[in-house]
């Protein structure tokens, strides 16, 4: 899975905001707000990645969290992106 559109992510007022760029701007007119964990997941979705590999990368990035917590967080975030039709 990967992001359906090209985005640029910036930090604004202690939150991260993703905005479509280029040709994607005409297809997705809006933005995605997220925290730093969401921004990390979002960044990894720029390239095609499996759910298992994404969870493994996040587990390395957040070694103090349980795999169960990371799995729940990643799954919830991905489900939200799918609802917005942002995952290819």
Protein backbone atom coordinates (compact mmCIF):
# COMPACT_ATOMS: atom_id res chain seq x y z
CA UNK A 1 0.00 0.00 0.00
CA UNK A 2 1.06 3.58 -0.53
CA UNK A 3 -0.35 7.07 -0.71
CA UNK A 4 -2.54 7.68 -3.72
CA UNK A 5 -1.33 11.26 -4.19
CA UNK A 6 1.84 13.30 -3.75
CA UNK A 7 1.82 15.32 -0.54
CA UNK A 8 4.07 17.74 1.24
CA UNK A 9 4.01 17.61 5.05
CA UNK A 10 4.75 20.66 7.20
CA UNK A 11 4.55 21.35 10.91
CA UNK A 12 2.05 24.09 11.75
CA UNK A 13 1.21 25.11 15.32
CA UNK A 14 2.49 21.87 16.88
CA UNK A 15 0.59 19.71 14.37
CA UNK A 16 1.62 18.22 11.08
CA UNK A 17 -0.40 19.04 7.98
CA UNK A 18 -0.21 17.22 4.64
CA UNK A 19 -1.27 19.05 1.50
CA UNK A 20 -1.51 17.54 -1.97
CA UNK A 21 0.94 18.94 -4.53
CA UNK A 22 1.31 18.89 -8.29
CA UNK A 23 -1.30 17.04 -10.32
CA UNK A 24 -2.70 15.56 -7.10
CA UNK A 25 -3.93 18.99 -6.06
CA UNK A 26 -6.76 18.84 -8.60
CA UNK A 27 -7.80 15.37 -7.37
CA UNK A 28 -7.51 15.90 -3.61
CA UNK A 29 -8.49 19.37 -2.52
CA UNK A 30 -7.90 19.53 1.20
CA UNK A 31 -5.40 18.65 3.86
CA UNK A 32 -4.71 15.97 6.45
CA UNK A 33 -3.92 16.96 10.05
CA UNK A 34 -1.88 14.54 12.17
CA UNK A 35 0.49 14.29 15.10
CA UNK A 36 4.17 13.36 14.87
CA UNK A 37 3.43 9.62 14.87
CA UNK A 38 0.96 10.07 12.03
CA UNK A 39 3.52 12.14 10.13
CA UNK A 40 6.05 9.33 10.50
CA UNK A 41 3.55 6.78 9.18
CA UNK A 42 2.53 9.16 6.38
CA UNK A 43 6.18 9.55 5.33
CA UNK A 44 6.65 5.78 5.11
CA UNK A 45 3.60 5.53 2.84
CA UNK A 46 5.31 7.54 0.10
CA UNK A 47 6.68 4.20 -1.10
CA UNK A 48 4.83 0.92 -1.44
CA UNK A 49 4.97 -0.91 1.90
CA UNK A 50 3.12 -3.79 3.49
CA UNK A 51 1.27 -3.39 6.77
CA UNK A 52 3.70 -5.84 8.40
CA UNK A 53 6.75 -3.87 7.26
CA UNK A 54 5.16 -0.59 8.34
CA UNK A 55 4.46 -1.96 11.82
CA UNK A 56 8.02 -3.33 12.05
CA UNK A 57 9.50 0.07 11.10
CA UNK A 58 7.32 1.85 13.64
CA UNK A 59 8.32 -0.69 16.32
CA UNK A 60 11.98 0.18 15.66
CA UNK A 61 11.18 3.89 15.81
CA UNK A 62 9.23 3.52 19.08
CA UNK A 63 10.98 0.71 20.97
CA UNK A 64 9.31 1.57 24.29
CA UNK A 65 5.84 0.80 22.89
CA UNK A 66 4.35 -2.67 22.63
CA UNK A 67 3.79 -4.21 19.23
CA UNK A 68 0.10 -4.39 20.12
CA UNK A 69 -0.08 -0.64 20.74
CA UNK A 70 1.84 0.11 17.56
CA UNK A 71 -0.38 -2.22 15.54
CA UNK A 72 -3.52 -0.54 16.87
CA UNK A 73 -2.13 2.92 16.15
CA UNK A 74 -0.96 2.08 12.62
CA UNK A 75 -4.17 0.22 11.77
CA UNK A 76 -6.33 3.09 13.00
CA UNK A 77 -4.33 5.64 11.04
CA UNK A 78 -4.41 3.56 7.85
CA UNK A 79 -8.16 2.99 8.24
CA UNK A 80 -8.65 6.76 8.44
CA UNK A 81 -6.63 7.29 5.27
CA UNK A 82 -8.62 4.57 3.50
CA UNK A 83 -11.88 6.27 4.51
CA UNK A 84 -10.60 9.42 2.80
CA UNK A 85 -9.56 7.33 -0.24
CA UNK A 86 -5.89 8.31 0.14
CA UNK A 87 -4.37 4.81 -0.05
CA UNK A 88 -3.64 3.19 -3.41
